[in-house]
Amino acid sequence: MAVIALHPDQQPQQTTLRAIPRPILCKGDVALNTADIAHLLGCRRAHATNRVTKLSDFPAPAIDLSERMRWWSFLKVQGWLLNRQRPSCKR
């Protein structure tokens, strides 16, 4: 289980990220795949893959092995979400 808070004033949420081996980028930062990003945004994985991760202001992948093996820094994605003026997708 991971504890995720998108804003310092926000209560952390307990969320279950998929139980797959997850790279640790540095102390306090974990890697997110497109399914994790979709879960954080509340949209489908396909939308996160095809639209959100291709936005010009979205952080570059921290690990980019191929189109299907990309991982983003949780801290950078969190910073991107906090700086957004509108939600990127809704269910």
C-alpha atoms as a PDB file:
ATOM      1  CA  MET A   1       0.000   0.000   0.000  1.00  0.00           C
ATOM      2  CA  ALA A   2       1.162   3.484  -0.785  1.00  0.00           C
ATOM      3  CA  VAL A   3       0.191   6.736   0.892  1.00  0.00           C
ATOM      4  CA  ILE A   4      -0.406   9.493  -1.606  1.00  0.00           C
ATOM      5  CA  ALA A   5      -1.105  13.166  -0.855  1.00  0.00           C
ATOM      6  CA  LEU A   6      -1.226  15.553  -3.786  1.00  0.00           C
ATOM      7  CA  HIS A   7      -1.146  18.718  -1.695  1.00  0.00           C
ATOM      8  CA  PRO A   8       0.573  19.393   1.641  1.00  0.00           C
ATOM      9  CA  ASP A   9      -2.747  20.476   3.223  1.00  0.00           C
ATOM     10  CA  GLN A  10      -4.604  17.475   1.868  1.00  0.00           C
ATOM     11  CA  GLN A  11      -5.127  14.381   3.987  1.00  0.00           C
ATOM     12  CA  PRO A  12      -3.069  11.492   2.600  1.00  0.00           C
ATOM     13  CA  GLN A  13      -5.093   8.803   0.894  1.00  0.00           C
ATOM     14  CA  GLN A  14      -4.400   5.133   1.305  1.00  0.00           C
ATOM     15  CA  THR A  15      -4.338   3.708  -2.179  1.00  0.00           C
ATOM     16  CA  THR A  16      -3.297   0.371  -3.534  1.00  0.00           C
ATOM     17  CA  LEU A  17      -0.960   0.604  -6.474  1.00  0.00           C
ATOM     18  CA  ARG A  18      -0.619  -2.552  -8.497  1.00  0.00           C
ATOM     19  CA  ALA A  19       1.652  -5.098  -6.886  1.00  0.00           C
ATOM     20  CA  ILE A  20       4.403  -5.071  -9.474  1.00  0.00           C
ATOM     21  CA  PRO A  21       8.093  -4.451  -8.997  1.00  0.00           C
ATOM     22  CA  ARG A  22       8.478  -0.679  -8.917  1.00  0.00           C
ATOM     23  CA  PRO A  23      11.781   1.126  -9.439  1.00  0.00           C
ATOM     24  CA  ILE A  24      12.837   3.462  -6.641  1.00  0.00           C
ATOM     25  CA  LEU A  25      14.320   6.587  -8.180  1.00  0.00           C
ATOM     26  CA  CYS A  26      15.706   8.212  -5.042  1.00  0.00           C
ATOM     27  CA  LYS A  27      14.844   8.462  -1.353  1.00  0.00           C
ATOM     28  CA  GLY A  28      11.172   9.438  -1.072  1.00  0.00           C
ATOM     29  CA  ASP A  29      10.441   9.046  -4.787  1.00  0.00           C
ATOM     30  CA  VAL A  30       9.018   6.034  -6.592  1.00  0.00           C
ATOM     31  CA  ALA A  31       8.364   5.405 -10.263  1.00  0.00           C
ATOM     32  CA  LEU A  32       4.848   5.470 -11.707  1.00  0.00           C
ATOM     33  CA  ASN A  33       3.692   3.759 -14.871  1.00  0.00           C
ATOM     34  CA  THR A  34       0.786   4.944 -17.026  1.00  0.00           C
ATOM     35  CA  ALA A  35      -1.712   2.846 -15.058  1.00  0.00           C
ATOM     36  CA  ASP A  36      -0.599   4.560 -11.829  1.00  0.00           C
ATOM     37  CA  ILE A  37      -0.869   7.995 -13.463  1.00  0.00           C
ATOM     38  CA  ALA A  38      -4.369   7.156 -14.715  1.00  0.00           C
ATOM     39  CA  HIS A  39      -5.334   6.057 -11.196  1.00  0.00           C
ATOM     40  CA  LEU A  40      -4.105   9.357  -9.734  1.00  0.00           C
ATOM     41  CA  LEU A  41      -5.983  11.375 -12.360  1.00  0.00           C
ATOM     42  CA  GLY A  42      -9.149   9.311 -12.229  1.00  0.00           C
ATOM     43  CA  CYS A  43      -9.114   8.409 -15.918  1.00  0.00           C
ATOM     44  CA  ARG A  44      -8.460   5.323 -18.000  1.00  0.00           C
ATOM     45  CA  ARG A  45      -4.971   4.068 -18.716  1.00  0.00           C
ATOM     46  CA  ALA A  46      -5.436   4.549 -22.457  1.00  0.00           C
ATOM     47  CA  HIS A  47      -6.235   8.243 -21.924  1.00  0.00           C
ATOM     48  CA  ALA A  48      -3.164   8.680 -19.724  1.00  0.00           C
ATOM     49  CA  THR A  49      -1.004   6.900 -22.325  1.00  0.00           C
ATOM     50  CA  ASN A  50      -2.376   8.583 -25.445  1.00  0.00           C
ATOM     51  CA  ARG A  51      -3.102  12.087 -24.168  1.00  0.00           C
ATOM     52  CA  VAL A  52      -1.811  13.072 -20.733  1.00  0.00           C
ATOM     53  CA  THR A  53       1.775  11.809 -21.002  1.00  0.00           C
ATOM     54  CA  LYS A  54       2.119  13.529 -24.398  1.00  0.00           C
ATOM     55  CA  LEU A  55       1.196  17.005 -23.121  1.00  0.00           C
ATOM     56  CA  SER A  56       4.015  19.480 -23.630  1.00  0.00           C
ATOM     57  CA  ASP A  57       4.147  20.426 -19.936  1.00  0.00           C
ATOM     58  CA  PHE A  58       3.988  16.835 -18.623  1.00  0.00           C
ATOM     59  CA  PRO A  59       7.281  15.640 -17.083  1.00  0.00           C
ATOM     60  CA  ALA A  60       9.540  13.476 -19.223  1.00  0.00           C
ATOM     61  CA  PRO A  61       9.828   9.824 -18.203  1.00  0.00           C
ATOM     62  CA  ALA A  62      12.545   9.111 -15.649  1.00  0.00           C
ATOM     63  CA  ILE A  63      13.012   5.669 -17.211  1.00  0.00           C
ATOM     64  CA  ASP A  64      12.254   5.331 -20.923  1.00  0.00           C
ATOM     65  CA  LEU A  65      13.144   1.883 -22.238  1.00  0.00           C
ATOM     66  CA  SER A  66      10.415   1.622 -24.864  1.00  0.00           C
ATOM     67  CA  GLU A  67       6.873   2.818 -25.571  1.00  0.00           C
ATOM     68  CA  ARG A  68       5.557   0.107 -23.215  1.00  0.00           C
ATOM     69  CA  MET A  69       8.253   0.431 -20.532  1.00  0.00           C
ATOM     70  CA  ARG A  70       8.176   4.017 -19.300  1.00  0.00           C
ATOM     71  CA  TRP A  71       8.241   5.195 -15.698  1.00  0.00           C
ATOM     72  CA  TRP A  72       7.751   8.711 -14.343  1.00  0.00           C
ATOM     73  CA  SER A  73       8.931  10.261 -11.089  1.00  0.00           C
ATOM     74  CA  PHE A  74       6.072  10.456  -8.585  1.00  0.00           C
ATOM     75  CA  LEU A  75       7.439  13.756  -7.230  1.00  0.00           C
ATOM     76  CA  LYS A  76       7.548  15.341 -10.710  1.00  0.00           C
ATOM     77  CA  VAL A  77       4.051  14.094 -11.597  1.00  0.00           C
ATOM     78  CA  GLN A  78       2.794  15.373  -8.241  1.00  0.00           C
ATOM     79  CA  GLY A  79       4.365  18.785  -8.929  1.00  0.00           C
ATOM     80  CA  TRP A  80       2.792  18.830 -12.390  1.00  0.00           C
ATOM     81  CA  LEU A  81      -0.627  18.044 -10.899  1.00  0.00           C
ATOM     82  CA  LEU A  82      -0.310  20.803  -8.299  1.00  0.00           C
ATOM     83  CA  ASN A  83       0.583  23.362 -11.004  1.00  0.00           C
ATOM     84  CA  ARG A  84      -2.296  22.428 -13.312  1.00  0.00           C
ATOM     85  CA  GLN A  85      -5.089  24.998 -13.535  1.00  0.00           C
ATOM     86  CA  ARG A  86      -7.737  22.484 -14.518  1.00  0.00           C
ATOM     87  CA  PRO A  87      -8.187  18.744 -14.133  1.00  0.00           C
ATOM     88  CA  SER A  88      -6.747  16.834 -17.079  1.00  0.00           C
ATOM     89  CA  CYS A  89      -9.508  14.230 -17.234  1.00  0.00           C
ATOM     90  CA  LYS A  90     -12.665  13.140 -15.471  1.00  0.00           C
ATOM     91  CA  ARG A  91     -14.507   9.864 -15.248  1.00  0.00           C
END
